[in-house]
Amino acid sequence: MKVQLETITSQDNRSFSIMFNPRLSDLFFWHSHPEYELVYIIGATGTRHVGDHISTYKGSDLVLIGSNIPHLNFDYGVDTDYQKVVVHLKKEFVEQHFTHALELVGIKKLFEQSKMGLAFSGYVLPLIGSKLFALEHLNPVQQYLQLIEVLQLISEIDQVETLHDNPYHNKHTSKDQERMRLIHTYIDSNYHRKIELNEIAGICFLTKEAFCRYFKKMTTYTFVEFLNRYRVSQSKRHLMTGESVSDACYQSGFQSLSYYNRIFKKVTQENPSKFKNRYVKK
């Protein structure tokens, strides 16, 4: 299974970023990123797929995922009226901020254990969930203070499931992860236009031939196959907001409507119109 390296968009002067109710239920987003991730979802029954661990959660779920552990979006395939909040904490912030403060030793231990993936349960989850959703209406300093409080509450939970017996090891080296992050960032910034093979190879200081071999080895796809799949995923976002098939096609970087329809069906097993109608109806 290909692991997509996600680029977390956040401000340089922030140690963490928060997403409230991102809707990805129609997207199979198997990905990894250097940031630590805290996820709370309620009103859903879905798949908890973190690293090599696969299980089903029911009603709600609270999970802490360590740096660079690949995982599936928790709302994939969910068709109920759910709510979700996702917090991404920068790797440097986690690994430096909680190291020396004696008052935060419980949180430090929590993040050390997150390298195996952690799922929590118990009566305190609704309280933690309400505090996480309340972050949306706070200023950055208030968010920081409340997030510390939330992490402390989580560190005190007794009902915790460790998703792996040992810290999960990402098979790719740090150099490969950084190079793929660079490639993915470039794609994310330029997918809406034509990307020449020599320009994407150039940012890695590789020849076109060497880049093609490297990219296929890392992703199991050719660059064109990967780019098409990425554009299809982006076009889904446009369709899910009610845009026309034509607008979704061209805004996601496809140059031909007929080619877009063909690639979309090849990737998703249905055409864009059917996908849009199914989503709107649901």
Protein backbone atom coordinates (compact mmCIF):
# COMPACT_ATOMS: atom_id res chain seq x y z
CA MET A 1 0.00 0.00 0.00
CA LYS A 2 1.38 3.39 -0.98
CA VAL A 3 1.93 5.82 1.88
CA GLN A 4 1.29 9.42 0.92
CA LEU A 5 3.47 11.91 2.76
CA GLU A 6 1.13 14.65 3.93
CA THR A 7 2.21 18.25 4.10
CA ILE A 8 0.69 19.92 7.13
CA THR A 9 -0.10 23.55 6.38
CA SER A 10 0.52 25.64 9.47
CA GLN A 11 1.93 29.02 10.35
CA ASP A 12 5.65 29.24 11.06
CA ASN A 13 4.97 30.95 14.39
CA ARG A 14 2.67 28.18 15.65
CA SER A 15 3.72 24.94 17.35
CA PHE A 16 0.53 23.13 16.39
CA SER A 17 -2.37 23.35 13.95
CA ILE A 18 -6.01 22.33 14.37
CA MET A 19 -8.67 21.21 11.91
CA PHE A 20 -12.32 21.23 12.92
CA ASN A 21 -14.69 18.84 11.15
CA PRO A 22 -12.62 18.12 8.03
CA ARG A 23 -14.86 16.01 5.77
CA LEU A 24 -12.85 13.20 4.17
CA SER A 25 -15.29 10.29 4.44
CA ASP A 26 -15.22 9.69 0.68
CA LEU A 27 -11.42 9.85 0.48
CA PHE A 28 -9.10 6.93 1.21
CA PHE A 29 -6.20 8.96 2.61
CA TRP A 30 -3.42 6.60 3.73
CA HIS A 31 -0.63 8.97 4.70
CA SER A 32 2.14 9.89 7.10
CA HIS A 33 3.77 13.11 8.33
CA PRO A 34 6.43 14.19 10.85
CA GLU A 35 3.84 15.88 13.09
CA TYR A 36 2.31 14.04 16.05
CA GLU A 37 -1.45 13.73 15.55
CA LEU A 38 -4.30 13.75 18.07
CA VAL A 39 -7.71 12.75 16.67
CA TYR A 40 -11.12 12.85 18.30
CA ILE A 41 -14.20 11.73 16.38
CA ILE A 42 -17.74 11.30 17.67
CA GLY A 43 -20.99 10.09 16.11
CA ALA A 44 -19.29 7.52 13.93
CA THR A 45 -18.36 3.88 13.62
CA GLY A 46 -15.31 3.38 11.46
CA THR A 47 -11.90 1.87 10.87
CA ARG A 48 -8.92 2.59 13.10
CA HIS A 49 -5.97 1.84 10.82
CA VAL A 50 -2.65 3.00 12.28
CA GLY A 51 0.59 1.45 11.05
CA ASP A 52 0.08 -2.33 11.07
CA HIS A 53 -2.92 -2.12 13.41
CA ILE A 54 -6.48 -2.40 12.06
CA SER A 55 -9.57 -2.40 14.25
CA THR A 56 -13.07 -0.92 14.44
CA TYR A 57 -14.12 1.87 16.77
CA LYS A 58 -17.78 2.45 17.64
CA GLY A 59 -19.49 5.72 18.55
CA SER A 60 -16.35 7.73 19.21
CA ASP A 61 -12.58 7.45 19.20
CA LEU A 62 -9.60 9.29 20.68
CA VAL A 63 -6.20 8.36 19.26
CA LEU A 64 -2.68 9.76 19.58
CA ILE A 65 -0.33 8.88 16.71
CA GLY A 66 3.43 9.30 16.83
CA SER A 67 5.63 11.00 14.25
CA ASN A 68 5.81 9.40 10.78
CA ILE A 69 3.41 6.54 11.57
CA PRO A 70 1.25 5.99 8.47
CA HIS A 71 -2.50 5.98 9.11
CA LEU A 72 -5.89 6.15 7.42
CA ASN A 73 -8.26 9.05 7.93
CA PHE A 74 -10.63 7.96 10.71
CA ASP A 75 -13.78 9.10 8.90
CA TYR A 76 -13.18 7.03 5.77
CA GLY A 77 -16.44 5.35 4.73
CA VAL A 78 -18.44 6.96 7.56
CA ASP A 79 -21.98 7.89 6.45
CA THR A 80 -23.37 9.27 9.73
CA ASP A 81 -23.44 12.87 10.93
CA TYR A 82 -20.11 12.85 12.74
CA GLN A 83 -17.90 15.54 14.25
CA LYS A 84 -14.10 15.44 14.23
CA VAL A 85 -11.18 17.51 15.44
CA VAL A 86 -7.57 16.85 14.43
CA VAL A 87 -4.55 18.43 16.16
CA HIS A 88 -1.11 18.27 14.54
CA LEU A 89 1.83 19.07 16.83
CA LYS A 90 5.20 19.86 15.31
CA LYS A 91 7.83 17.20 15.95
CA GLU A 92 10.37 19.72 17.30
CA PHE A 93 7.79 21.21 19.65
CA VAL A 94 6.89 17.83 21.15
CA GLU A 95 10.42 16.50 21.45
CA GLN A 96 11.91 19.68 22.94
CA HIS A 97 9.09 21.32 24.88
CA PHE A 98 8.20 18.40 27.12
CA THR A 99 11.74 17.17 27.81
CA HIS A 100 12.89 19.33 30.71
CA ALA A 101 9.73 20.62 32.43
CA LEU A 102 9.23 18.38 35.48
CA GLU A 103 5.57 19.41 35.69
CA LEU A 104 4.97 17.93 32.24
CA VAL A 105 6.58 14.53 32.83
CA GLY A 106 3.22 12.77 32.31
CA ILE A 107 2.79 14.40 28.91
CA LYS A 108 6.40 13.54 28.00
CA LYS A 109 5.69 9.87 28.76
CA LEU A 110 2.46 10.09 26.76
CA PHE A 111 4.28 11.18 23.62
CA GLU A 112 6.98 8.55 24.12
CA GLN A 113 4.27 5.89 24.18
CA SER A 114 2.59 7.43 21.12
CA LYS A 115 5.38 5.94 19.01
CA MET A 116 3.37 2.72 19.26
CA GLY A 117 0.02 4.43 18.62
CA LEU A 118 -2.46 4.93 21.48
CA ALA A 119 -6.27 4.61 21.58
CA PHE A 120 -8.16 5.82 24.66
CA SER A 121 -11.57 5.03 26.15
CA GLY A 122 -13.52 5.79 29.32
CA TYR A 123 -15.94 8.26 30.86
CA VAL A 124 -13.58 11.24 30.44
CA LEU A 125 -13.62 11.16 26.62
CA PRO A 126 -16.67 13.45 26.20
CA LEU A 127 -14.99 16.04 28.45
CA ILE A 128 -11.79 15.88 26.42
CA GLY A 129 -13.80 16.09 23.21
CA SER A 130 -15.64 19.20 24.38
CA LYS A 131 -12.36 20.88 25.33
CA LEU A 132 -10.86 20.04 21.92
CA PHE A 133 -13.83 21.45 20.01
CA ALA A 134 -13.79 24.54 22.24
CA LEU A 135 -10.29 25.36 20.91
CA GLU A 136 -11.93 26.75 17.77
CA HIS A 137 -13.13 29.83 19.65
CA LEU A 138 -9.92 30.61 21.57
CA ASN A 139 -6.97 32.79 20.68
CA PRO A 140 -3.54 31.14 20.16
CA VAL A 141 -2.36 31.59 23.76
CA GLN A 142 -5.62 30.24 25.15
CA GLN A 143 -5.45 27.33 22.70
CA TYR A 144 -1.93 26.51 23.88
CA LEU A 145 -2.93 26.51 27.56
CA GLN A 146 -6.06 24.43 26.99
CA LEU A 147 -4.18 21.96 24.80
CA ILE A 148 -1.67 21.40 27.61
CA GLU A 149 -4.62 20.77 29.95
CA VAL A 150 -6.13 18.30 27.46
CA LEU A 151 -2.83 16.43 27.07
CA GLN A 152 -2.50 16.21 30.86
CA LEU A 153 -6.01 14.76 31.10
CA ILE A 154 -5.18 12.21 28.42
CA SER A 155 -1.95 11.23 30.19
CA GLU A 156 -4.03 10.31 33.27
CA ILE A 157 -6.43 7.98 31.43
CA ASP A 158 -6.18 4.38 32.63
CA GLN A 159 -8.15 2.82 29.77
CA VAL A 160 -5.60 2.98 26.97
CA GLU A 161 -4.85 0.49 24.20
CA THR A 162 -1.36 0.30 22.74
CA LEU A 163 -1.76 -0.34 19.02
CA HIS A 164 1.69 -1.91 18.50
CA ASP A 165 3.89 -3.96 20.81
CA ASN A 166 6.94 -1.86 19.94
CA PRO A 167 7.56 1.63 18.54
CA TYR A 168 6.47 1.65 14.90
CA HIS A 169 9.41 1.87 12.53
CA ASN A 170 8.84 3.67 9.24
CA LYS A 171 10.78 1.70 6.63
CA HIS A 172 11.91 4.84 4.80
CA THR A 173 15.06 6.64 5.93
CA SER A 174 14.93 10.22 7.17
CA LYS A 175 16.59 11.32 3.93
CA ASP A 176 13.94 9.56 1.84
CA GLN A 177 11.13 10.95 3.98
CA GLU A 178 12.47 14.48 3.58
CA ARG A 179 12.95 14.06 -0.17
CA MET A 180 9.42 12.69 -0.59
CA ARG A 181 8.10 15.53 1.55
CA LEU A 182 9.81 17.99 -0.78
CA ILE A 183 8.29 16.27 -3.82
CA HIS A 184 4.84 16.17 -2.29
CA THR A 185 5.02 19.82 -1.26
CA TYR A 186 5.92 20.74 -4.83
CA ILE A 187 3.02 18.69 -6.20
CA ASP A 188 0.64 20.22 -3.66
CA SER A 189 1.66 23.73 -4.76
CA ASN A 190 1.63 23.07 -8.52
CA TYR A 191 -0.83 20.24 -9.30
CA HIS A 192 -3.30 22.71 -10.86
CA ARG A 193 -0.92 23.32 -13.79
CA LYS A 194 1.17 21.15 -16.08
CA ILE A 195 4.26 19.80 -14.25
CA GLU A 196 7.15 18.83 -16.49
CA LEU A 197 9.15 15.77 -15.49
CA ASN A 198 12.47 17.61 -15.68
CA GLU A 199 11.31 20.32 -13.24
CA ILE A 200 10.13 17.86 -10.56
CA ALA A 201 13.35 15.85 -11.02
CA GLY A 202 15.36 19.06 -10.72
CA ILE A 203 14.17 19.87 -7.20
CA CYS A 204 15.65 16.52 -6.11
CA PHE A 205 18.88 17.09 -8.07
CA LEU A 206 18.22 13.93 -10.09
CA THR A 207 18.11 13.24 -13.80
CA LYS A 208 14.70 12.43 -15.25
CA GLU A 209 15.63 8.76 -15.54
CA ALA A 210 16.97 8.54 -11.97
CA PHE A 211 13.92 10.38 -10.63
CA CYS A 212 11.51 8.02 -12.39
CA ARG A 213 13.28 4.97 -10.93
CA TYR A 214 13.39 6.51 -7.46
CA PHE A 215 9.75 7.64 -7.47
CA LYS A 216 8.49 4.24 -8.65
CA LYS A 217 10.53 2.52 -5.95
CA MET A 218 9.18 4.79 -3.23
CA THR A 219 5.51 4.87 -4.24
CA THR A 220 4.97 1.85 -6.57
CA TYR A 221 3.48 4.36 -9.06
CA THR A 222 4.97 6.24 -11.97
CA PHE A 223 5.02 9.97 -11.44
CA VAL A 224 2.17 10.49 -13.93
CA GLU A 225 0.05 7.82 -12.22
CA PHE A 226 0.64 9.40 -8.82
CA LEU A 227 -0.06 12.92 -10.09
CA ASN A 228 -3.30 11.76 -11.72
CA ARG A 229 -4.44 10.10 -8.50
CA TYR A 230 -3.56 13.23 -6.53
CA ARG A 231 -5.52 15.38 -8.96
CA VAL A 232 -8.50 13.02 -8.76
CA SER A 233 -8.41 13.35 -4.97
CA GLN A 234 -8.33 17.14 -5.27
CA SER A 235 -11.18 17.10 -7.78
CA LYS A 236 -13.29 15.15 -5.29
CA ARG A 237 -12.99 18.05 -2.88
CA HIS A 238 -14.39 20.38 -5.55
CA LEU A 239 -17.22 17.99 -6.41
CA MET A 240 -18.07 17.59 -2.73
CA THR A 241 -18.62 21.37 -2.47
CA GLY A 242 -21.12 21.25 -5.34
CA GLU A 243 -18.91 22.48 -8.19
CA SER A 244 -19.55 21.21 -11.72
CA VAL A 245 -17.61 18.30 -13.17
CA SER A 246 -16.01 20.66 -15.68
CA ASP A 247 -14.83 23.08 -12.97
CA ALA A 248 -13.54 20.21 -10.82
CA CYS A 249 -11.62 18.88 -13.82
CA TYR A 250 -9.76 22.04 -14.75
CA GLN A 251 -9.25 23.36 -11.20
CA SER A 252 -7.53 20.12 -10.23
CA GLY A 253 -5.04 20.32 -13.09
CA PHE A 254 -6.51 18.13 -15.83
CA GLN A 255 -6.29 19.63 -19.31
CA SER A 256 -8.99 17.49 -20.95
CA LEU A 257 -12.50 16.68 -19.70
CA SER A 258 -12.59 13.32 -21.49
CA TYR A 259 -9.19 12.36 -20.04
CA TYR A 260 -10.33 13.45 -16.57
CA ASN A 261 -13.47 11.30 -16.81
CA ARG A 262 -11.41 8.31 -17.92
CA ILE A 263 -8.79 8.67 -15.15
CA PHE A 264 -11.42 9.37 -12.47
CA LYS A 265 -13.28 6.17 -13.33
CA LYS A 266 -10.05 4.17 -13.47
CA VAL A 267 -9.07 5.35 -9.99
CA THR A 268 -12.48 5.30 -8.26
CA GLN A 269 -14.49 2.79 -10.36
CA GLU A 270 -17.19 5.41 -11.00
CA ASN A 271 -17.46 8.57 -13.07
CA PRO A 272 -17.32 12.09 -11.54
CA SER A 273 -21.03 12.77 -12.07
CA LYS A 274 -22.04 9.63 -10.22
CA PHE A 275 -19.66 10.43 -7.38
CA LYS A 276 -21.04 13.97 -7.08
CA ASN A 277 -24.68 12.84 -7.18
CA ARG A 278 -24.04 10.12 -4.61
CA TYR A 279 -22.35 12.55 -2.26
CA VAL A 280 -24.99 15.28 -2.66
CA LYS A 281 -27.77 12.75 -2.13
CA LYS A 282 -26.09 11.41 1.01
